[in-house]
Structures are given as structure tokens and as C-alpha cells.
Amino acid sequence: MTIQQYLIKIDLLQKEENRNAFFVNSDLEKFVLKISSNSAENYFLLDYFLQKSVSKPIAINSKIIAQFSNHMGLLFLEEEEIGNVCFAASNELRSEYRQSFRLLDVLDYIYAFADSSIYKKTKKIILPPDAASFWNLVEIVNNIRKTEE
């Protein structure tokens, strides 16, 4: 699945007629509820994240990416590195040692919220209370997404 396809899939979650869950996972729902109860004051709206235009595909709001970066103290890497340049982006690296994240990581996190009961009630994507919570949720969605592809 390309980034653009993933953005479209996330966008579809906003439409009431498409509210059927793509991922059915009770552990994911529980983790989203836990994050929501710990940090409900820091959030953004999905419409603010997805910048839609008639003339071009869905884009992302770089201010939200910067907000994630600042909030978690992690560096955002814009492009995928080619080859085995650095171990820092490896999935084998434990989350507590990761110092950077990519767009796909943010999309996994956002998808978890956009597909949750919390989002249905509040329409909010809540920022993670810490980097460990972010990585735990990203890992769950990443594993589910890989089995769905």
C-alpha cells in the first residue's frame, strides 16, 4: 500500500457511511482508550492533518508532524533511506532506543485512533503521552496492516 492509498483509507474513516472497522482488534482499542485517558488535552483533528485539494492528492499538514516531533522528542525523517545505511530506522531496534520516526509511523498511529470508538465520539486524534506509547501503538497497527496487505 502506498502512502497516498493509506491517506485515502484514513480519510474514508471520517465518512459516516464508511465507519466499518478495517482492523478489528480489541487490544488496539484498549491501547487507544488507555492513551486517551492519559493525555486527552493534546490533540488535533483529522481534517487539520489531511490537507485536501481538488487539483492534487491528499497531503499532510507538516505542522502536525512537527507537533508529534516536539511532543515526543523524536526527529522526523522525511524520506526512506535506500540500503542499509543506518540501524536507527530498523524495526529490530527496541522502541526505547529509537530517536526518529517516519510518515508511515504517524499514519499507523493516526489510523489506530481514526478507527477507534474514541474517535467516533470526539473526532480527536490524541497525541501520545510519551514515545513508548507511540511506538507500542504503531507496532500493533503495523503488524495488523502487514497481515491485511
C-alpha atoms as a PDB file:
ATOM      1  CA  MET A   1       0.000   0.000   0.000  1.00  0.00           C
ATOM      2  CA  THR A   2       1.383   3.407  -0.937  1.00  0.00           C
ATOM      3  CA  ILE A   3       1.330   6.419   1.369  1.00  0.00           C
ATOM      4  CA  GLN A   4      -1.347   8.041  -0.815  1.00  0.00           C
ATOM      5  CA  GLN A   5      -3.535   4.910  -0.618  1.00  0.00           C
ATOM      6  CA  TYR A   6      -3.109   4.879   3.152  1.00  0.00           C
ATOM      7  CA  LEU A   7      -4.087   8.556   3.373  1.00  0.00           C
ATOM      8  CA  ILE A   8      -7.227   7.841   1.338  1.00  0.00           C
ATOM      9  CA  LYS A   9      -8.062   4.898   3.607  1.00  0.00           C
ATOM     10  CA  ILE A  10      -7.684   7.132   6.674  1.00  0.00           C
ATOM     11  CA  ASP A  11      -9.796   9.822   5.043  1.00  0.00           C
ATOM     12  CA  LEU A  12     -12.579   7.283   4.398  1.00  0.00           C
ATOM     13  CA  LEU A  13     -12.848   6.663   8.137  1.00  0.00           C
ATOM     14  CA  GLN A  14     -14.245  10.179   8.570  1.00  0.00           C
ATOM     15  CA  LYS A  15     -17.288   9.477   6.429  1.00  0.00           C
ATOM     16  CA  GLU A  16     -20.144   8.028   8.460  1.00  0.00           C
ATOM     17  CA  GLU A  17     -21.166   5.566   5.748  1.00  0.00           C
ATOM     18  CA  ASN A  18     -17.658   4.068   5.823  1.00  0.00           C
ATOM     19  CA  ARG A  19     -17.397   3.652   9.585  1.00  0.00           C
ATOM     20  CA  ASN A  20     -16.970  -0.129   9.451  1.00  0.00           C
ATOM     21  CA  ALA A  21     -13.683  -1.027  11.049  1.00  0.00           C
ATOM     22  CA  PHE A  22     -10.876  -2.067   8.745  1.00  0.00           C
ATOM     23  CA  PHE A  23      -8.975  -3.502  11.701  1.00  0.00           C
ATOM     24  CA  VAL A  24     -10.886  -5.495  14.278  1.00  0.00           C
ATOM     25  CA  ASN A  25      -8.589  -5.764  17.251  1.00  0.00           C
ATOM     26  CA  SER A  26      -9.673  -5.415  20.872  1.00  0.00           C
ATOM     27  CA  ASP A  27      -6.081  -4.942  22.090  1.00  0.00           C
ATOM     28  CA  LEU A  28      -5.723  -1.990  19.751  1.00  0.00           C
ATOM     29  CA  GLU A  29      -8.953  -0.450  21.050  1.00  0.00           C
ATOM     30  CA  LYS A  30      -7.851  -0.917  24.671  1.00  0.00           C
ATOM     31  CA  PHE A  31      -4.494   0.719  23.987  1.00  0.00           C
ATOM     32  CA  VAL A  32      -6.154   3.708  22.272  1.00  0.00           C
ATOM     33  CA  LEU A  33      -8.505   4.097  25.258  1.00  0.00           C
ATOM     34  CA  LYS A  34      -5.521   3.991  27.627  1.00  0.00           C
ATOM     35  CA  ILE A  35      -3.699   6.723  25.680  1.00  0.00           C
ATOM     36  CA  SER A  36      -6.887   8.799  25.557  1.00  0.00           C
ATOM     37  CA  SER A  37      -7.395   8.632  29.300  1.00  0.00           C
ATOM     38  CA  ASN A  38      -3.779   9.655  29.992  1.00  0.00           C
ATOM     39  CA  SER A  39      -3.443  12.655  27.674  1.00  0.00           C
ATOM     40  CA  ALA A  40      -6.766  13.974  26.380  1.00  0.00           C
ATOM     41  CA  GLU A  41      -5.610  17.623  26.411  1.00  0.00           C
ATOM     42  CA  ASN A  42      -3.157  17.322  23.481  1.00  0.00           C
ATOM     43  CA  TYR A  43      -4.993  16.512  20.282  1.00  0.00           C
ATOM     44  CA  PHE A  44      -5.670  17.536  16.682  1.00  0.00           C
ATOM     45  CA  LEU A  45      -8.489  16.972  14.234  1.00  0.00           C
ATOM     46  CA  LEU A  46      -8.089  14.628  11.309  1.00  0.00           C
ATOM     47  CA  ASP A  47      -9.344  17.297   8.882  1.00  0.00           C
ATOM     48  CA  TYR A  48      -6.477  19.519  10.048  1.00  0.00           C
ATOM     49  CA  PHE A  49      -3.949  16.749   9.385  1.00  0.00           C
ATOM     50  CA  LEU A  50      -5.274  15.818   5.937  1.00  0.00           C
ATOM     51  CA  GLN A  51      -4.963  18.697   3.516  1.00  0.00           C
ATOM     52  CA  LYS A  52      -7.295  18.051   0.603  1.00  0.00           C
ATOM     53  CA  SER A  53      -7.311  19.862  -2.700  1.00  0.00           C
ATOM     54  CA  VAL A  54      -9.211  19.394  -5.937  1.00  0.00           C
ATOM     55  CA  SER A  55      -6.064  19.752  -8.020  1.00  0.00           C
ATOM     56  CA  LYS A  56      -3.747  17.380  -6.123  1.00  0.00           C
ATOM     57  CA  PRO A  57      -3.870  14.239  -3.966  1.00  0.00           C
ATOM     58  CA  ILE A  58      -4.284  14.318  -0.208  1.00  0.00           C
ATOM     59  CA  ALA A  59      -1.328  15.924   1.530  1.00  0.00           C
ATOM     60  CA  ILE A  60      -0.350  16.064   5.181  1.00  0.00           C
ATOM     61  CA  ASN A  61      -0.052  19.082   7.423  1.00  0.00           C
ATOM     62  CA  SER A  62       3.609  19.485   8.333  1.00  0.00           C
ATOM     63  CA  LYS A  63       2.624  21.381  11.497  1.00  0.00           C
ATOM     64  CA  ILE A  64       1.103  18.191  12.895  1.00  0.00           C
ATOM     65  CA  ILE A  65       4.295  16.268  12.105  1.00  0.00           C
ATOM     66  CA  ALA A  66       6.287  18.975  13.902  1.00  0.00           C
ATOM     67  CA  GLN A  67       3.872  18.747  16.839  1.00  0.00           C
ATOM     68  CA  PHE A  68       4.475  14.968  17.060  1.00  0.00           C
ATOM     69  CA  SER A  69       8.228  15.525  16.827  1.00  0.00           C
ATOM     70  CA  ASN A  70       8.310  18.177  19.551  1.00  0.00           C
ATOM     71  CA  HIS A  71       5.861  16.392  21.822  1.00  0.00           C
ATOM     72  CA  MET A  72       7.783  13.097  21.793  1.00  0.00           C
ATOM     73  CA  GLY A  73      11.305  14.480  21.429  1.00  0.00           C
ATOM     74  CA  LEU A  74      11.889  12.450  18.252  1.00  0.00           C
ATOM     75  CA  LEU A  75      13.307  13.510  14.904  1.00  0.00           C
ATOM     76  CA  PHE A  76      11.071  13.208  11.832  1.00  0.00           C
ATOM     77  CA  LEU A  77      12.764  11.572   8.825  1.00  0.00           C
ATOM     78  CA  GLU A  78      11.085  12.697   5.618  1.00  0.00           C
ATOM     79  CA  GLU A  79      12.423  10.198   3.118  1.00  0.00           C
ATOM     80  CA  GLU A  80      13.090   6.493   3.212  1.00  0.00           C
ATOM     81  CA  GLU A  81      16.798   5.764   3.119  1.00  0.00           C
ATOM     82  CA  ILE A  82      17.895   3.320   0.435  1.00  0.00           C
ATOM     83  CA  GLY A  83      20.097   0.452   1.509  1.00  0.00           C
ATOM     84  CA  ASN A  84      21.327  -0.466   4.943  1.00  0.00           C
ATOM     85  CA  VAL A  85      22.651   2.968   5.843  1.00  0.00           C
ATOM     86  CA  CYS A  86      21.731   3.112   9.493  1.00  0.00           C
ATOM     87  CA  PHE A  87      20.383   0.807  12.183  1.00  0.00           C
ATOM     88  CA  ALA A  88      18.366   3.680  13.721  1.00  0.00           C
ATOM     89  CA  ALA A  89      15.380   3.089  11.425  1.00  0.00           C
ATOM     90  CA  SER A  90      15.422  -0.694  11.795  1.00  0.00           C
ATOM     91  CA  ASN A  91      12.317  -2.447  13.109  1.00  0.00           C
ATOM     92  CA  GLU A  92      14.651  -4.590  15.196  1.00  0.00           C
ATOM     93  CA  LEU A  93      15.675  -1.594  17.303  1.00  0.00           C
ATOM     94  CA  ARG A  94      13.756  -1.520  20.581  1.00  0.00           C
ATOM     95  CA  SER A  95      11.347   1.404  20.796  1.00  0.00           C
ATOM     96  CA  GLU A  96      13.035   2.997  23.812  1.00  0.00           C
ATOM     97  CA  TYR A  97      16.185   3.474  21.704  1.00  0.00           C
ATOM     98  CA  ARG A  98      14.512   4.937  18.628  1.00  0.00           C
ATOM     99  CA  GLN A  99      15.257   8.599  18.103  1.00  0.00           C
ATOM    100  CA  SER A 100      13.363   9.193  14.869  1.00  0.00           C
ATOM    101  CA  PHE A 101      10.105   8.342  13.139  1.00  0.00           C
ATOM    102  CA  ARG A 102       8.732   8.324   9.603  1.00  0.00           C
ATOM    103  CA  LEU A 103       5.460   9.314   7.984  1.00  0.00           C
ATOM    104  CA  LEU A 104       4.247   5.713   7.917  1.00  0.00           C
ATOM    105  CA  ASP A 105       4.676   5.544  11.710  1.00  0.00           C
ATOM    106  CA  VAL A 106       2.464   8.626  12.145  1.00  0.00           C
ATOM    107  CA  LEU A 107      -0.117   7.199   9.734  1.00  0.00           C
ATOM    108  CA  ASP A 108      -0.246   3.941  11.692  1.00  0.00           C
ATOM    109  CA  TYR A 109      -0.780   5.898  14.904  1.00  0.00           C
ATOM    110  CA  ILE A 110      -3.470   8.094  13.340  1.00  0.00           C
ATOM    111  CA  TYR A 111      -5.205   5.118  11.770  1.00  0.00           C
ATOM    112  CA  ALA A 112      -5.500   3.440  15.171  1.00  0.00           C
ATOM    113  CA  PHE A 113      -7.288   6.490  16.548  1.00  0.00           C
ATOM    114  CA  ALA A 114      -9.411   7.142  13.461  1.00  0.00           C
ATOM    115  CA  ASP A 115     -10.694   3.567  13.632  1.00  0.00           C
ATOM    116  CA  SER A 116     -11.465   3.673  17.371  1.00  0.00           C
ATOM    117  CA  SER A 117     -14.579   4.296  19.455  1.00  0.00           C
ATOM    118  CA  ILE A 118     -12.874   7.378  20.952  1.00  0.00           C
ATOM    119  CA  TYR A 119     -12.657   8.976  17.514  1.00  0.00           C
ATOM    120  CA  LYS A 120     -16.308   8.158  16.806  1.00  0.00           C
ATOM    121  CA  LYS A 121     -17.283  10.115  19.942  1.00  0.00           C
ATOM    122  CA  THR A 122     -14.797  13.004  19.913  1.00  0.00           C
ATOM    123  CA  LYS A 123     -13.374  13.277  16.348  1.00  0.00           C
ATOM    124  CA  LYS A 124      -9.977  13.871  18.020  1.00  0.00           C
ATOM    125  CA  ILE A 125      -6.596  12.267  17.403  1.00  0.00           C
ATOM    126  CA  ILE A 126      -4.874  12.425  20.774  1.00  0.00           C
ATOM    127  CA  LEU A 127      -1.108  12.842  20.885  1.00  0.00           C
ATOM    128  CA  PRO A 128       0.692  10.066  22.711  1.00  0.00           C
ATOM    129  CA  PRO A 129       1.740  10.817  26.290  1.00  0.00           C
ATOM    130  CA  ASP A 130       5.264   9.588  25.505  1.00  0.00           C
ATOM    131  CA  ALA A 131       7.357   7.971  22.795  1.00  0.00           C
ATOM    132  CA  ALA A 132       6.905   4.472  24.260  1.00  0.00           C
ATOM    133  CA  SER A 133       3.107   4.707  23.922  1.00  0.00           C
ATOM    134  CA  PHE A 134       3.505   5.965  20.368  1.00  0.00           C
ATOM    135  CA  TRP A 135       5.795   3.072  19.400  1.00  0.00           C
ATOM    136  CA  ASN A 136       3.581   0.458  21.082  1.00  0.00           C
ATOM    137  CA  LEU A 137       0.528   1.590  19.124  1.00  0.00           C
ATOM    138  CA  VAL A 138       2.488   1.909  15.872  1.00  0.00           C
ATOM    139  CA  GLU A 139       3.818  -1.625  16.278  1.00  0.00           C
ATOM    140  CA  ILE A 140       0.323  -3.075  16.816  1.00  0.00           C
ATOM    141  CA  VAL A 141      -1.109  -1.327  13.735  1.00  0.00           C
ATOM    142  CA  ASN A 142       1.966  -2.081  11.642  1.00  0.00           C
ATOM    143  CA  ASN A 143       1.615  -5.807  12.369  1.00  0.00           C
ATOM    144  CA  ILE A 144      -2.116  -5.760  11.586  1.00  0.00           C
ATOM    145  CA  ARG A 145      -1.594  -3.718   8.403  1.00  0.00           C
ATOM    146  CA  LYS A 146       1.040  -6.159   7.148  1.00  0.00           C
ATOM    147  CA  THR A 147      -1.349  -9.090   7.561  1.00  0.00           C
ATOM    148  CA  GLU A 148      -4.097  -7.146   5.727  1.00  0.00           C
ATOM    149  CA  GLU A 149      -1.913  -6.353   2.669  1.00  0.00           C
END
